[in-house]
Amino acid sequence: MKLKNNNKGFSLLELLIVVIIIGILALGLLPNFRESIKAVRMSTAGKSLCAAVRLAQRYAVSENKTVNLCIDIDNEKIYAEFSDGTLIAQSTYTMPSEVNITSVNYRVTTINLVQTSGIYQIPFRPDGSVGNMFNFVRFAYSPYKETDESLTNKNEYRTLVIQGQTSRPKILNYGWMTNFE
């Protein structure tokens, strides 16, 4: 009588080799995955900021009232409200995870000012223009709220620019504006 050898499975060695190969491939793809997440979060933040600017401008013109675009640096939120403090419905945007508002820079006549905490208000007049000549909202991808420039090789900075006359929002892919012209 012969015994039948019915080995219809994988050996432990074969399974171990497959697991090691999958692990090596996953380690190789992990940096690309992190970069993709960073790019999506930065893009989402930029689009949200631009949408908030357009919403505030649209309400200012349509309601013929001054509308303040409020940038809450500490709580990572942007919202629009009328000059009397009434919040505009569905105007609150929260920054994506690990994307932080680091500062708001603005220019009034020839004076350049920087705000790194609190709530900054950008007033949109009834004609749709902005009260200040230039407004810069700087945001960064960083797991920590860091404004240290030595970390620029680790963090990605972008800047939202709102010019006073046109009030058009524009995202710049670099973080710091040294030239306000």
Protein backbone atom coordinates (compact mmCIF):
# COMPACT_ATOMS: atom_id res chain seq x y z
CA MET A 1 0.00 0.00 0.00
CA LYS A 2 1.39 3.38 -1.08
CA LEU A 3 0.71 6.55 0.87
CA LYS A 4 -0.41 9.47 -1.22
CA ASN A 5 1.48 12.69 -0.63
CA ASN A 6 -1.20 15.41 -0.89
CA ASN A 7 0.85 18.55 -0.20
CA LYS A 8 -1.52 21.15 -1.63
CA GLY A 9 -0.28 24.20 0.25
CA PHE A 10 2.66 26.50 0.60
CA SER A 11 5.58 25.76 2.83
CA LEU A 12 6.47 28.08 5.67
CA LEU A 13 9.60 29.13 3.81
CA GLU A 14 7.61 30.15 0.71
CA LEU A 15 5.19 32.21 2.80
CA LEU A 16 8.05 33.89 4.63
CA ILE A 17 9.73 34.87 1.36
CA VAL A 18 6.48 36.38 0.03
CA VAL A 19 5.95 38.38 3.25
CA ILE A 20 9.53 39.73 3.08
CA ILE A 21 9.10 40.78 -0.55
CA ILE A 22 5.82 42.57 0.23
CA GLY A 23 7.50 44.32 3.18
CA ILE A 24 10.39 45.55 1.04
CA LEU A 25 7.98 46.86 -1.60
CA ALA A 26 5.87 48.63 1.04
CA LEU A 27 8.93 50.34 2.52
CA GLY A 28 9.87 51.59 -0.92
CA LEU A 29 6.41 53.05 -1.53
CA LEU A 30 5.97 54.67 1.91
CA PRO A 31 7.85 57.94 1.12
CA ASN A 32 5.78 58.39 -2.06
CA PHE A 33 2.59 57.85 -0.07
CA ARG A 34 3.62 60.48 2.49
CA GLU A 35 4.43 62.97 -0.26
CA SER A 36 1.04 62.32 -1.84
CA ILE A 37 -0.75 62.98 1.44
CA LYS A 38 1.24 66.19 1.94
CA ALA A 39 0.43 67.40 -1.59
CA VAL A 40 -3.29 66.68 -1.18
CA ARG A 41 -3.49 68.44 2.19
CA MET A 42 -1.62 71.52 0.94
CA SER A 43 -3.79 71.68 -2.17
CA THR A 44 -6.96 71.34 -0.08
CA ALA A 45 -5.81 74.12 2.26
CA GLY A 46 -5.05 76.44 -0.66
CA LYS A 47 -8.39 75.77 -2.32
CA SER A 48 -10.23 76.32 0.97
CA LEU A 49 -8.49 79.65 1.53
CA CYS A 50 -9.27 80.80 -2.02
CA ALA A 51 -12.91 79.70 -1.65
CA ALA A 52 -13.21 81.64 1.62
CA VAL A 53 -11.85 84.78 -0.06
CA ARG A 54 -14.27 84.45 -2.98
CA LEU A 55 -17.19 83.80 -0.62
CA ALA A 56 -16.43 86.89 1.49
CA GLN A 57 -16.05 89.03 -1.62
CA ARG A 58 -19.28 87.68 -3.15
CA TYR A 59 -21.28 88.39 0.03
CA ALA A 60 -19.82 91.89 0.33
CA VAL A 61 -20.93 92.77 -3.19
CA SER A 62 -24.30 90.99 -3.17
CA GLU A 63 -25.37 92.29 0.26
CA ASN A 64 -23.74 95.72 -0.24
CA LYS A 65 -22.13 95.43 3.21
CA THR A 66 -18.62 95.14 4.55
CA VAL A 67 -17.69 91.48 5.13
CA ASN A 68 -14.72 90.47 7.25
CA LEU A 69 -12.75 87.37 6.32
CA CYS A 70 -11.54 86.22 9.73
CA ILE A 71 -8.36 84.17 9.91
CA ASP A 72 -8.07 82.48 13.30
CA ILE A 73 -4.37 81.60 13.40
CA ASP A 74 -4.50 79.81 16.77
CA ASN A 75 -7.48 77.57 15.94
CA GLU A 76 -6.61 76.99 12.27
CA LYS A 77 -9.97 78.28 10.99
CA ILE A 78 -11.15 80.76 8.40
CA TYR A 79 -14.66 82.19 8.42
CA ALA A 80 -16.60 85.14 7.04
CA GLU A 81 -18.81 87.50 9.02
CA PHE A 82 -20.62 90.75 8.40
CA SER A 83 -19.15 93.87 10.00
CA ASP A 84 -21.78 93.63 12.78
CA GLY A 85 -20.36 90.21 13.78
CA THR A 86 -23.07 88.04 12.20
CA LEU A 87 -21.48 84.83 10.95
CA ILE A 88 -22.17 83.96 7.32
CA ALA A 89 -23.72 80.49 7.12
CA GLN A 90 -21.47 77.71 5.81
CA SER A 91 -18.44 79.98 5.66
CA THR A 92 -16.20 78.21 8.19
CA TYR A 93 -13.21 76.34 6.80
CA THR A 94 -10.91 74.31 9.02
CA MET A 95 -7.38 73.65 7.86
CA PRO A 96 -6.58 70.00 7.04
CA SER A 97 -4.67 67.86 9.52
CA GLU A 98 -0.99 68.84 9.84
CA VAL A 99 -1.47 72.05 7.83
CA ASN A 100 -1.02 75.14 10.00
CA ILE A 101 -1.56 78.83 9.43
CA THR A 102 1.77 80.26 10.52
CA SER A 103 1.27 84.01 9.99
CA VAL A 104 -0.63 86.78 8.27
CA ASN A 105 1.39 89.56 6.69
CA TYR A 106 -0.25 92.73 5.45
CA ARG A 107 0.77 96.07 4.10
CA VAL A 108 -0.96 99.32 4.93
CA THR A 109 0.44 102.25 2.92
CA THR A 110 4.21 101.73 3.35
CA ILE A 111 4.15 99.76 6.61
CA ASN A 112 4.54 95.96 6.55
CA LEU A 113 3.00 94.19 9.53
CA VAL A 114 3.01 90.54 10.68
CA GLN A 115 0.55 88.73 12.93
CA THR A 116 1.40 85.24 14.23
CA SER A 117 -1.47 84.64 16.68
CA GLY A 118 -5.05 85.63 17.31
CA ILE A 119 -7.69 86.51 14.73
CA TYR A 120 -6.88 88.73 11.78
CA GLN A 121 -9.72 90.28 9.79
CA ILE A 122 -9.49 91.14 6.10
CA PRO A 123 -12.33 93.61 5.36
CA PHE A 124 -14.06 93.29 1.99
CA ARG A 125 -15.85 96.50 1.05
CA PRO A 126 -19.25 96.56 -0.68
CA ASP A 127 -17.48 97.12 -4.02
CA GLY A 128 -15.53 93.87 -3.50
CA SER A 129 -12.14 95.46 -2.83
CA VAL A 130 -9.98 94.75 0.23
CA GLY A 131 -9.10 97.30 2.89
CA ASN A 132 -5.32 96.76 2.83
CA MET A 133 -3.01 97.03 -0.16
CA PHE A 134 -1.74 93.45 0.18
CA ASN A 135 -2.60 90.54 2.44
CA PHE A 136 -0.47 87.41 2.74
CA VAL A 137 -1.64 84.30 4.58
CA ARG A 138 1.21 81.88 5.12
CA PHE A 139 0.50 78.22 5.79
CA ALA A 140 2.74 75.20 6.18
CA TYR A 141 2.57 71.43 6.11
CA SER A 142 4.04 70.42 9.42
CA PRO A 143 3.00 68.02 12.15
CA TYR A 144 4.03 70.73 14.62
CA LYS A 145 3.14 74.41 14.69
CA GLU A 146 6.61 75.64 13.79
CA THR A 147 7.58 78.99 12.34
CA ASP A 148 11.31 78.30 12.59
CA GLU A 149 12.84 78.95 9.16
CA SER A 150 15.55 76.34 9.80
CA LEU A 151 12.86 73.68 9.27
CA THR A 152 12.04 74.79 5.73
CA ASN A 153 13.74 71.71 4.32
CA LYS A 154 11.29 69.57 6.32
CA ASN A 155 8.17 71.70 5.95
CA GLU A 156 6.44 72.92 2.84
CA TYR A 157 5.27 76.52 2.97
CA ARG A 158 2.75 78.27 0.72
CA THR A 159 1.33 81.75 0.69
CA LEU A 160 -2.13 83.04 -0.18
CA VAL A 161 -1.89 86.53 -1.67
CA ILE A 162 -4.87 88.90 -1.80
CA GLN A 163 -4.21 92.18 -3.58
CA GLY A 164 -6.24 95.17 -2.41
CA GLN A 165 -7.64 96.42 -5.73
CA THR A 166 -8.64 93.17 -7.43
CA SER A 167 -9.17 91.04 -4.30
CA ARG A 168 -8.25 87.98 -6.36
CA PRO A 169 -6.71 85.18 -4.33
CA LYS A 170 -3.55 83.52 -5.59
CA ILE A 171 -1.52 80.69 -4.05
CA LEU A 172 2.25 80.93 -4.28
CA ASN A 173 4.25 77.72 -3.82
CA TYR A 174 6.90 79.36 -1.72
CA GLY A 175 6.35 80.56 1.74
CA TRP A 176 7.83 83.91 2.50
CA MET A 177 7.18 87.13 0.66
CA THR A 178 10.17 89.43 0.98
CA ASN A 179 9.13 91.75 -1.83
CA PHE A 180 5.73 93.40 -1.38
CA GLU A 181 5.66 95.06 -4.80
